[in-house]
Structures are given as structure tokens and as C-alpha cells.
ModelCIF file with pLDDT and N, C-alpha, C, O atoms, coordinates in Angstrom:
data_MODEL
#
_entry.id   MODEL 
#
_entity.id                         1 
_entity.type                       polymer 
_entity.pdbx_number_of_molecules   1 
#
_entity_poly.entity_id                      1 
_entity_poly.type                           'polypeptide(L)' 
_entity_poly.nstd_linkage                   no 
_entity_poly.nstd_monomer                   no 
_entity_poly.pdbx_seq_one_letter_code       ETHVQLSKKVAESSIVLLKNKDHILPLSKDLQTPYVTGPFA 
_entity_poly.pdbx_seq_one_letter_code_can   ETHVQLSKKVAESSIVLLKNKDHILPLSKDLQTPYVTGPFA 
_entity_poly.pdbx_strand_id                 A 
#
loop_
_entity_poly_seq.entity_id 
_entity_poly_seq.num 
_entity_poly_seq.mon_id 
_entity_poly_seq.hetero 
1 1  GLU n 
1 2  THR n 
1 3  HIS n 
1 4  VAL n 
1 5  GLN n 
1 6  LEU n 
1 7  SER n 
1 8  LYS n 
1 9  LYS n 
1 10 VAL n 
1 11 ALA n 
1 12 GLU n 
1 13 SER n 
1 14 SER n 
1 15 ILE n 
1 16 VAL n 
1 17 LEU n 
1 18 LEU n 
1 19 LYS n 
1 20 ASN n 
1 21 LYS n 
1 22 ASP n 
1 23 HIS n 
1 24 ILE n 
1 25 LEU n 
1 26 PRO n 
1 27 LEU n 
1 28 SER n 
1 29 LYS n 
1 30 ASP n 
1 31 LEU n 
1 32 GLN n 
1 33 THR n 
1 34 PRO n 
1 35 TYR n 
1 36 VAL n 
1 37 THR n 
1 38 GLY n 
1 39 PRO n 
1 40 PHE n 
1 41 ALA n 
#
_struct_asym.id          A 
_struct_asym.entity_id   1 
#
loop_
_ma_qa_metric.id 
_ma_qa_metric.mode 
_ma_qa_metric.name 
_ma_qa_metric.software_group_id 
_ma_qa_metric.type 
1 global pLDDT . pLDDT 
2 local  pLDDT . pLDDT 
#
_ma_qa_metric_global.metric_id      1 
_ma_qa_metric_global.metric_value   97.71 
_ma_qa_metric_global.model_id       1 
_ma_qa_metric_global.ordinal_id     1 
#
loop_
_ma_qa_metric_local.label_asym_id 
_ma_qa_metric_local.label_comp_id 
_ma_qa_metric_local.label_seq_id 
_ma_qa_metric_local.metric_id 
_ma_qa_metric_local.metric_value 
_ma_qa_metric_local.model_id 
_ma_qa_metric_local.ordinal_id 
A GLU 1  2 98.00 1 1  
A THR 2  2 98.00 1 2  
A HIS 3  2 98.00 1 3  
A VAL 4  2 98.00 1 4  
A GLN 5  2 98.00 1 5  
A LEU 6  2 98.00 1 6  
A SER 7  2 98.00 1 7  
A LYS 8  2 98.00 1 8  
A LYS 9  2 98.00 1 9  
A VAL 10 2 98.00 1 10 
A ALA 11 2 98.00 1 11 
A GLU 12 2 98.00 1 12 
A SER 13 2 98.00 1 13 
A SER 14 2 98.00 1 14 
A ILE 15 2 98.00 1 15 
A VAL 16 2 98.00 1 16 
A LEU 17 2 98.00 1 17 
A LEU 18 2 98.00 1 18 
A LYS 19 2 98.00 1 19 
A ASN 20 2 98.00 1 20 
A LYS 21 2 98.00 1 21 
A ASP 22 2 97.00 1 22 
A HIS 23 2 97.00 1 23 
A ILE 24 2 98.00 1 24 
A LEU 25 2 98.00 1 25 
A PRO 26 2 98.00 1 26 
A LEU 27 2 98.00 1 27 
A SER 28 2 97.00 1 28 
A LYS 29 2 97.00 1 29 
A ASP 30 2 95.00 1 30 
A LEU 31 2 96.00 1 31 
A GLN 32 2 96.00 1 32 
A THR 33 2 97.00 1 33 
A PRO 34 2 98.00 1 34 
A TYR 35 2 98.00 1 35 
A VAL 36 2 98.00 1 36 
A THR 37 2 98.00 1 37 
A GLY 38 2 98.00 1 38 
A PRO 39 2 98.00 1 39 
A PHE 40 2 98.00 1 40 
A ALA 41 2 98.00 1 41 
#
loop_
_atom_site.group_PDB 
_atom_site.id 
_atom_site.type_symbol 
_atom_site.label_atom_id 
_atom_site.label_alt_id 
_atom_site.label_comp_id 
_atom_site.label_asym_id 
_atom_site.label_entity_id 
_atom_site.label_seq_id 
_atom_site.pdbx_PDB_ins_code 
_atom_site.Cartn_x 
_atom_site.Cartn_y 
_atom_site.Cartn_z 
_atom_site.occupancy 
_atom_site.B_iso_or_equiv 
_atom_site.pdbx_formal_charge 
_atom_site.auth_seq_id 
_atom_site.auth_comp_id 
_atom_site.auth_asym_id 
_atom_site.auth_atom_id 
_atom_site.pdbx_PDB_model_num 
ATOM 1   N N  . GLU A 1 1  ? 113.366 72.192  78.171  1.00 98.00 ? 1  GLU A N  1 
ATOM 2   C CA . GLU A 1 1  ? 113.442 73.794  78.560  1.00 98.00 ? 1  GLU A CA 1 
ATOM 3   C C  . GLU A 1 1  ? 112.939 74.052  77.465  1.00 98.00 ? 1  GLU A C  1 
ATOM 4   O O  . GLU A 1 1  ? 111.918 74.728  77.586  1.00 98.00 ? 1  GLU A O  1 
ATOM 5   N N  . THR A 1 2  ? 113.313 73.714  76.037  1.00 98.00 ? 2  THR A N  1 
ATOM 6   C CA . THR A 1 2  ? 112.228 74.971  74.782  1.00 98.00 ? 2  THR A CA 1 
ATOM 7   C C  . THR A 1 2  ? 110.203 75.271  75.520  1.00 98.00 ? 2  THR A C  1 
ATOM 8   O O  . THR A 1 2  ? 109.367 76.174  75.493  1.00 98.00 ? 2  THR A O  1 
ATOM 9   N N  . HIS A 1 3  ? 110.334 73.690  76.135  1.00 98.00 ? 3  HIS A N  1 
ATOM 10  C CA . HIS A 1 3  ? 108.521 73.072  76.576  1.00 98.00 ? 3  HIS A CA 1 
ATOM 11  C C  . HIS A 1 3  ? 108.699 74.592  77.796  1.00 98.00 ? 3  HIS A C  1 
ATOM 12  O O  . HIS A 1 3  ? 108.061 75.601  77.496  1.00 98.00 ? 3  HIS A O  1 
ATOM 13  N N  . VAL A 1 4  ? 109.537 74.612  79.037  1.00 98.00 ? 4  VAL A N  1 
ATOM 14  C CA . VAL A 1 4  ? 109.099 75.339  79.678  1.00 98.00 ? 4  VAL A CA 1 
ATOM 15  C C  . VAL A 1 4  ? 108.331 76.736  79.490  1.00 98.00 ? 4  VAL A C  1 
ATOM 16  O O  . VAL A 1 4  ? 107.277 77.255  79.855  1.00 98.00 ? 4  VAL A O  1 
ATOM 17  N N  . GLN A 1 5  ? 110.267 77.280  78.152  1.00 98.00 ? 5  GLN A N  1 
ATOM 18  C CA . GLN A 1 5  ? 109.833 78.798  78.231  1.00 98.00 ? 5  GLN A CA 1 
ATOM 19  C C  . GLN A 1 5  ? 108.756 78.648  77.518  1.00 98.00 ? 5  GLN A C  1 
ATOM 20  O O  . GLN A 1 5  ? 108.204 79.744  77.415  1.00 98.00 ? 5  GLN A O  1 
ATOM 21  N N  . LEU A 1 6  ? 107.861 77.358  76.665  1.00 98.00 ? 6  LEU A N  1 
ATOM 22  C CA . LEU A 1 6  ? 106.319 78.116  76.073  1.00 98.00 ? 6  LEU A CA 1 
ATOM 23  C C  . LEU A 1 6  ? 105.287 78.387  76.626  1.00 98.00 ? 6  LEU A C  1 
ATOM 24  O O  . LEU A 1 6  ? 104.581 79.342  76.306  1.00 98.00 ? 6  LEU A O  1 
ATOM 25  N N  . SER A 1 7  ? 104.862 77.003  78.208  1.00 98.00 ? 7  SER A N  1 
ATOM 26  C CA . SER A 1 7  ? 104.639 77.622  79.248  1.00 98.00 ? 7  SER A CA 1 
ATOM 27  C C  . SER A 1 7  ? 104.354 78.828  79.984  1.00 98.00 ? 7  SER A C  1 
ATOM 28  O O  . SER A 1 7  ? 103.314 79.309  80.433  1.00 98.00 ? 7  SER A O  1 
ATOM 29  N N  . LYS A 1 8  ? 105.614 79.200  79.985  1.00 98.00 ? 8  LYS A N  1 
ATOM 30  C CA . LYS A 1 8  ? 106.063 81.147  80.308  1.00 98.00 ? 8  LYS A CA 1 
ATOM 31  C C  . LYS A 1 8  ? 105.179 82.064  79.550  1.00 98.00 ? 8  LYS A C  1 
ATOM 32  O O  . LYS A 1 8  ? 104.331 82.892  79.883  1.00 98.00 ? 8  LYS A O  1 
ATOM 33  N N  . LYS A 1 9  ? 105.650 81.650  78.437  1.00 98.00 ? 9  LYS A N  1 
ATOM 34  C CA . LYS A 1 9  ? 104.945 82.616  76.825  1.00 98.00 ? 9  LYS A CA 1 
ATOM 35  C C  . LYS A 1 9  ? 103.787 82.225  77.346  1.00 98.00 ? 9  LYS A C  1 
ATOM 36  O O  . LYS A 1 9  ? 103.767 82.919  78.363  1.00 98.00 ? 9  LYS A O  1 
ATOM 37  N N  . VAL A 1 10 ? 102.414 81.349  77.368  1.00 98.00 ? 10 VAL A N  1 
ATOM 38  C CA . VAL A 1 10 ? 101.638 81.327  77.537  1.00 98.00 ? 10 VAL A CA 1 
ATOM 39  C C  . VAL A 1 10 ? 100.547 81.744  78.127  1.00 98.00 ? 10 VAL A C  1 
ATOM 40  O O  . VAL A 1 10 ? 99.415  82.078  77.777  1.00 98.00 ? 10 VAL A O  1 
ATOM 41  N N  . ALA A 1 11 ? 101.383 81.614  79.497  1.00 98.00 ? 11 ALA A N  1 
ATOM 42  C CA . ALA A 1 11 ? 101.029 82.521  80.591  1.00 98.00 ? 11 ALA A CA 1 
ATOM 43  C C  . ALA A 1 11 ? 100.631 83.727  80.696  1.00 98.00 ? 11 ALA A C  1 
ATOM 44  O O  . ALA A 1 11 ? 99.583  84.258  81.063  1.00 98.00 ? 11 ALA A O  1 
ATOM 45  N N  . GLU A 1 12 ? 102.412 84.366  80.018  1.00 98.00 ? 12 GLU A N  1 
ATOM 46  C CA . GLU A 1 12 ? 102.103 85.951  79.900  1.00 98.00 ? 12 GLU A CA 1 
ATOM 47  C C  . GLU A 1 12 ? 101.025 86.616  79.195  1.00 98.00 ? 12 GLU A C  1 
ATOM 48  O O  . GLU A 1 12 ? 100.188 87.505  79.355  1.00 98.00 ? 12 GLU A O  1 
ATOM 49  N N  . SER A 1 13 ? 101.685 85.258  77.819  1.00 98.00 ? 13 SER A N  1 
ATOM 50  C CA . SER A 1 13 ? 99.681  86.176  76.511  1.00 98.00 ? 13 SER A CA 1 
ATOM 51  C C  . SER A 1 13 ? 98.463  86.153  77.274  1.00 98.00 ? 13 SER A C  1 
ATOM 52  O O  . SER A 1 13 ? 97.572  86.992  77.140  1.00 98.00 ? 13 SER A O  1 
ATOM 53  N N  . SER A 1 14 ? 98.432  85.224  78.045  1.00 98.00 ? 14 SER A N  1 
ATOM 54  C CA . SER A 1 14 ? 97.088  84.661  78.941  1.00 98.00 ? 14 SER A CA 1 
ATOM 55  C C  . SER A 1 14 ? 96.804  85.411  79.752  1.00 98.00 ? 14 SER A C  1 
ATOM 56  O O  . SER A 1 14 ? 95.648  85.765  79.517  1.00 98.00 ? 14 SER A O  1 
ATOM 57  N N  . ILE A 1 15 ? 97.419  86.205  81.163  1.00 98.00 ? 15 ILE A N  1 
ATOM 58  C CA . ILE A 1 15 ? 97.175  87.344  81.726  1.00 98.00 ? 15 ILE A CA 1 
ATOM 59  C C  . ILE A 1 15 ? 96.743  88.783  81.075  1.00 98.00 ? 15 ILE A C  1 
ATOM 60  O O  . ILE A 1 15 ? 97.284  89.374  80.141  1.00 98.00 ? 15 ILE A O  1 
ATOM 61  N N  . VAL A 1 16 ? 95.431  89.227  81.969  1.00 98.00 ? 16 VAL A N  1 
ATOM 62  C CA . VAL A 1 16 ? 94.201  89.795  81.481  1.00 98.00 ? 16 VAL A CA 1 
ATOM 63  C C  . VAL A 1 16 ? 94.771  91.245  82.473  1.00 98.00 ? 16 VAL A C  1 
ATOM 64  O O  . VAL A 1 16 ? 95.031  90.953  83.640  1.00 98.00 ? 16 VAL A O  1 
ATOM 65  N N  . LEU A 1 17 ? 94.919  92.350  82.184  1.00 98.00 ? 17 LEU A N  1 
ATOM 66  C CA . LEU A 1 17 ? 95.569  93.945  83.008  1.00 98.00 ? 17 LEU A CA 1 
ATOM 67  C C  . LEU A 1 17 ? 93.333  94.391  82.725  1.00 98.00 ? 17 LEU A C  1 
ATOM 68  O O  . LEU A 1 17 ? 92.591  94.662  81.781  1.00 98.00 ? 17 LEU A O  1 
ATOM 69  N N  . LEU A 1 18 ? 93.206  94.176  84.369  1.00 98.00 ? 18 LEU A N  1 
ATOM 70  C CA . LEU A 1 18 ? 91.024  94.781  84.263  1.00 98.00 ? 18 LEU A CA 1 
ATOM 71  C C  . LEU A 1 18 ? 91.667  95.684  84.527  1.00 98.00 ? 18 LEU A C  1 
ATOM 72  O O  . LEU A 1 18 ? 90.709  96.395  84.227  1.00 98.00 ? 18 LEU A O  1 
ATOM 73  N N  . LYS A 1 19 ? 92.637  96.608  84.906  1.00 98.00 ? 19 LYS A N  1 
ATOM 74  C CA . LYS A 1 19 ? 92.690  98.186  85.844  1.00 98.00 ? 19 LYS A CA 1 
ATOM 75  C C  . LYS A 1 19 ? 93.761  98.369  86.168  1.00 98.00 ? 19 LYS A C  1 
ATOM 76  O O  . LYS A 1 19 ? 94.477  97.580  86.785  1.00 98.00 ? 19 LYS A O  1 
ATOM 77  N N  . ASN A 1 20 ? 94.071  99.610  85.740  1.00 98.00 ? 20 ASN A N  1 
ATOM 78  C CA . ASN A 1 20 ? 95.222  100.465 85.792  1.00 98.00 ? 20 ASN A CA 1 
ATOM 79  C C  . ASN A 1 20 ? 95.558  101.750 86.349  1.00 98.00 ? 20 ASN A C  1 
ATOM 80  O O  . ASN A 1 20 ? 96.167  102.606 85.707  1.00 98.00 ? 20 ASN A O  1 
ATOM 81  N N  . LYS A 1 21 ? 95.225  101.872 87.356  1.00 98.00 ? 21 LYS A N  1 
ATOM 82  C CA . LYS A 1 21 ? 94.285  103.406 87.508  1.00 98.00 ? 21 LYS A CA 1 
ATOM 83  C C  . LYS A 1 21 ? 96.256  104.355 87.774  1.00 98.00 ? 21 LYS A C  1 
ATOM 84  O O  . LYS A 1 21 ? 97.398  104.231 88.215  1.00 98.00 ? 21 LYS A O  1 
ATOM 85  N N  . ASP A 1 22 ? 95.376  105.141 87.142  1.00 97.00 ? 22 ASP A N  1 
ATOM 86  C CA . ASP A 1 22 ? 97.444  106.180 87.003  1.00 97.00 ? 22 ASP A CA 1 
ATOM 87  C C  . ASP A 1 22 ? 98.517  105.278 86.390  1.00 97.00 ? 22 ASP A C  1 
ATOM 88  O O  . ASP A 1 22 ? 99.703  105.253 86.717  1.00 97.00 ? 22 ASP A O  1 
ATOM 89  N N  . HIS A 1 23 ? 98.030  104.684 85.631  1.00 97.00 ? 23 HIS A N  1 
ATOM 90  C CA . HIS A 1 23 ? 99.115  103.572 84.789  1.00 97.00 ? 23 HIS A CA 1 
ATOM 91  C C  . HIS A 1 23 ? 100.444 103.675 85.754  1.00 97.00 ? 23 HIS A C  1 
ATOM 92  O O  . HIS A 1 23 ? 101.570 104.115 85.519  1.00 97.00 ? 23 HIS A O  1 
ATOM 93  N N  . ILE A 1 24 ? 99.722  102.952 87.221  1.00 98.00 ? 24 ILE A N  1 
ATOM 94  C CA . ILE A 1 24 ? 100.198 102.186 88.465  1.00 98.00 ? 24 ILE A CA 1 
ATOM 95  C C  . ILE A 1 24 ? 101.798 101.123 87.951  1.00 98.00 ? 24 ILE A C  1 
ATOM 96  O O  . ILE A 1 24 ? 102.978 101.195 88.294  1.00 98.00 ? 24 ILE A O  1 
ATOM 97  N N  . LEU A 1 25 ? 100.809 99.936  86.710  1.00 98.00 ? 25 LEU A N  1 
ATOM 98  C CA . LEU A 1 25 ? 101.662 99.519  86.248  1.00 98.00 ? 25 LEU A CA 1 
ATOM 99  C C  . LEU A 1 25 ? 102.203 99.541  84.622  1.00 98.00 ? 25 LEU A C  1 
ATOM 100 O O  . LEU A 1 25 ? 101.532 100.070 83.736  1.00 98.00 ? 25 LEU A O  1 
ATOM 101 N N  . PRO A 1 26 ? 103.261 99.012  84.422  1.00 98.00 ? 26 PRO A N  1 
ATOM 102 C CA . PRO A 1 26 ? 104.610 98.478  85.387  1.00 98.00 ? 26 PRO A CA 1 
ATOM 103 C C  . PRO A 1 26 ? 105.273 99.019  86.781  1.00 98.00 ? 26 PRO A C  1 
ATOM 104 O O  . PRO A 1 26 ? 105.537 100.221 86.744  1.00 98.00 ? 26 PRO A O  1 
ATOM 105 N N  . LEU A 1 27 ? 105.531 98.473  87.777  1.00 98.00 ? 27 LEU A N  1 
ATOM 106 C CA . LEU A 1 27 ? 106.387 98.780  88.334  1.00 98.00 ? 27 LEU A CA 1 
ATOM 107 C C  . LEU A 1 27 ? 108.096 98.487  87.768  1.00 98.00 ? 27 LEU A C  1 
ATOM 108 O O  . LEU A 1 27 ? 108.699 97.662  87.082  1.00 98.00 ? 27 LEU A O  1 
ATOM 109 N N  . SER A 1 28 ? 108.396 99.793  88.581  1.00 97.00 ? 28 SER A N  1 
ATOM 110 C CA . SER A 1 28 ? 109.797 100.033 89.242  1.00 97.00 ? 28 SER A CA 1 
ATOM 111 C C  . SER A 1 28 ? 110.595 99.115  89.771  1.00 97.00 ? 28 SER A C  1 
ATOM 112 O O  . SER A 1 28 ? 110.621 99.006  90.997  1.00 97.00 ? 28 SER A O  1 
ATOM 113 N N  . LYS A 1 29 ? 111.487 98.188  88.861  1.00 97.00 ? 29 LYS A N  1 
ATOM 114 C CA . LYS A 1 29 ? 112.578 97.685  89.539  1.00 97.00 ? 29 LYS A CA 1 
ATOM 115 C C  . LYS A 1 29 ? 112.929 98.313  90.948  1.00 97.00 ? 29 LYS A C  1 
ATOM 116 O O  . LYS A 1 29 ? 112.894 97.445  91.820  1.00 97.00 ? 29 LYS A O  1 
ATOM 117 N N  . ASP A 1 30 ? 113.063 98.829  91.143  1.00 95.00 ? 30 ASP A N  1 
ATOM 118 C CA . ASP A 1 30 ? 113.786 99.850  91.669  1.00 95.00 ? 30 ASP A CA 1 
ATOM 119 C C  . ASP A 1 30 ? 113.019 100.331 93.079  1.00 95.00 ? 30 ASP A C  1 
ATOM 120 O O  . ASP A 1 30 ? 113.413 101.228 93.824  1.00 95.00 ? 30 ASP A O  1 
ATOM 121 N N  . LEU A 1 31 ? 111.418 99.227  93.311  1.00 96.00 ? 31 LEU A N  1 
ATOM 122 C CA . LEU A 1 31 ? 111.361 99.488  94.974  1.00 96.00 ? 31 LEU A CA 1 
ATOM 123 C C  . LEU A 1 31 ? 112.204 99.515  95.796  1.00 96.00 ? 31 LEU A C  1 
ATOM 124 O O  . LEU A 1 31 ? 113.293 99.188  95.322  1.00 96.00 ? 31 LEU A O  1 
ATOM 125 N N  . GLN A 1 32 ? 112.232 99.791  96.986  1.00 96.00 ? 32 GLN A N  1 
ATOM 126 C CA . GLN A 1 32 ? 113.022 99.424  98.584  1.00 96.00 ? 32 GLN A CA 1 
ATOM 127 C C  . GLN A 1 32 ? 111.903 98.839  99.196  1.00 96.00 ? 32 GLN A C  1 
ATOM 128 O O  . GLN A 1 32 ? 112.540 97.996  99.828  1.00 96.00 ? 32 GLN A O  1 
ATOM 129 N N  . THR A 1 33 ? 110.927 98.658  99.454  1.00 97.00 ? 33 THR A N  1 
ATOM 130 C CA . THR A 1 33 ? 110.291 97.410  100.054 1.00 97.00 ? 33 THR A CA 1 
ATOM 131 C C  . THR A 1 33 ? 108.914 96.710  100.005 1.00 97.00 ? 33 THR A C  1 
ATOM 132 O O  . THR A 1 33 ? 108.011 96.591  100.833 1.00 97.00 ? 33 THR A O  1 
ATOM 133 N N  . PRO A 1 34 ? 109.047 96.381  99.008  1.00 98.00 ? 34 PRO A N  1 
ATOM 134 C CA . PRO A 1 34 ? 107.534 95.587  98.203  1.00 98.00 ? 34 PRO A CA 1 
ATOM 135 C C  . PRO A 1 34 ? 107.154 94.512  98.835  1.00 98.00 ? 34 PRO A C  1 
ATOM 136 O O  . PRO A 1 34 ? 107.648 93.451  99.217  1.00 98.00 ? 34 PRO A O  1 
ATOM 137 N N  . TYR A 1 35 ? 106.109 95.078  98.848  1.00 98.00 ? 35 TYR A N  1 
ATOM 138 C CA . TYR A 1 35 ? 105.255 93.634  100.068 1.00 98.00 ? 35 TYR A CA 1 
ATOM 139 C C  . TYR A 1 35 ? 104.246 92.668  98.913  1.00 98.00 ? 35 TYR A C  1 
ATOM 140 O O  . TYR A 1 35 ? 103.604 93.163  97.987  1.00 98.00 ? 35 TYR A O  1 
ATOM 141 N N  . VAL A 1 36 ? 104.320 91.109  99.279  1.00 98.00 ? 36 VAL A N  1 
ATOM 142 C CA . VAL A 1 36 ? 104.041 89.828  98.577  1.00 98.00 ? 36 VAL A CA 1 
ATOM 143 C C  . VAL A 1 36 ? 102.894 89.670  99.695  1.00 98.00 ? 36 VAL A C  1 
ATOM 144 O O  . VAL A 1 36 ? 103.015 90.217  100.792 1.00 98.00 ? 36 VAL A O  1 
ATOM 145 N N  . THR A 1 37 ? 101.714 88.848  99.336  1.00 98.00 ? 37 THR A N  1 
ATOM 146 C CA . THR A 1 37 ? 100.422 88.599  100.851 1.00 98.00 ? 37 THR A CA 1 
ATOM 147 C C  . THR A 1 37 ? 99.415  88.277  99.614  1.00 98.00 ? 37 THR A C  1 
ATOM 148 O O  . THR A 1 37 ? 99.156  88.432  98.421  1.00 98.00 ? 37 THR A O  1 
ATOM 149 N N  . GLY A 1 38 ? 99.050  87.693  100.890 1.00 98.00 ? 38 GLY A N  1 
ATOM 150 C CA . GLY A 1 38 ? 97.820  86.816  100.251 1.00 98.00 ? 38 GLY A CA 1 
ATOM 151 C C  . GLY A 1 38 ? 97.370  84.584  100.353 1.00 98.00 ? 38 GLY A C  1 
ATOM 152 O O  . GLY A 1 38 ? 97.623  83.729  101.202 1.00 98.00 ? 38 GLY A O  1 
ATOM 153 N N  . PRO A 1 39 ? 96.935  84.563  99.533  1.00 98.00 ? 39 PRO A N  1 
ATOM 154 C CA . PRO A 1 39 ? 97.042  83.264  100.168 1.00 98.00 ? 39 PRO A CA 1 
ATOM 155 C C  . PRO A 1 39 ? 97.274  82.327  99.170  1.00 98.00 ? 39 PRO A C  1 
ATOM 156 O O  . PRO A 1 39 ? 97.069  81.134  99.392  1.00 98.00 ? 39 PRO A O  1 
ATOM 157 N N  . PHE A 1 40 ? 97.749  82.793  97.914  1.00 98.00 ? 40 PHE A N  1 
ATOM 158 C CA . PHE A 1 40 ? 98.136  81.966  97.088  1.00 98.00 ? 40 PHE A CA 1 
ATOM 159 C C  . PHE A 1 40 ? 99.613  82.777  96.701  1.00 98.00 ? 40 PHE A C  1 
ATOM 160 O O  . PHE A 1 40 ? 100.339 82.565  95.729  1.00 98.00 ? 40 PHE A O  1 
ATOM 161 N N  . ALA A 1 41 ? 99.717  83.353  97.338  1.00 98.00 ? 41 ALA A N  1 
ATOM 162 C CA . ALA A 1 41 ? 100.818 84.512  96.747  1.00 98.00 ? 41 ALA A CA 1 
ATOM 163 C C  . ALA A 1 41 ? 102.229 83.051  96.306  1.00 98.00 ? 41 ALA A C  1 
ATOM 164 O O  . ALA A 1 41 ? 103.311 83.367  95.812  1.00 98.00 ? 41 ALA A O  1 
#
């Protein structure tokens, strides 16, 4: 579990935010109807 959490930590630290128009992110968890799509979702 320690290594699994380390893998997660690295992934979080590696993600690059390239665009954030009008501070859309972060999203609220109170969303009613979020949609996830795409070939690698």
C-alpha cells in the first residue's frame, strides 16, 4: 500500500495544467450531471 500511494503521489505531482480558462478547475463535487467520455477514459 505504501508503494501504491507513492505511485499516486508521483502521478499527482506530474500532471501539468496547461489551460484553465476562467478558473474552471477545480470542479465542484456537487455537480449534478458530469459526463466522462473519450477513447482513454
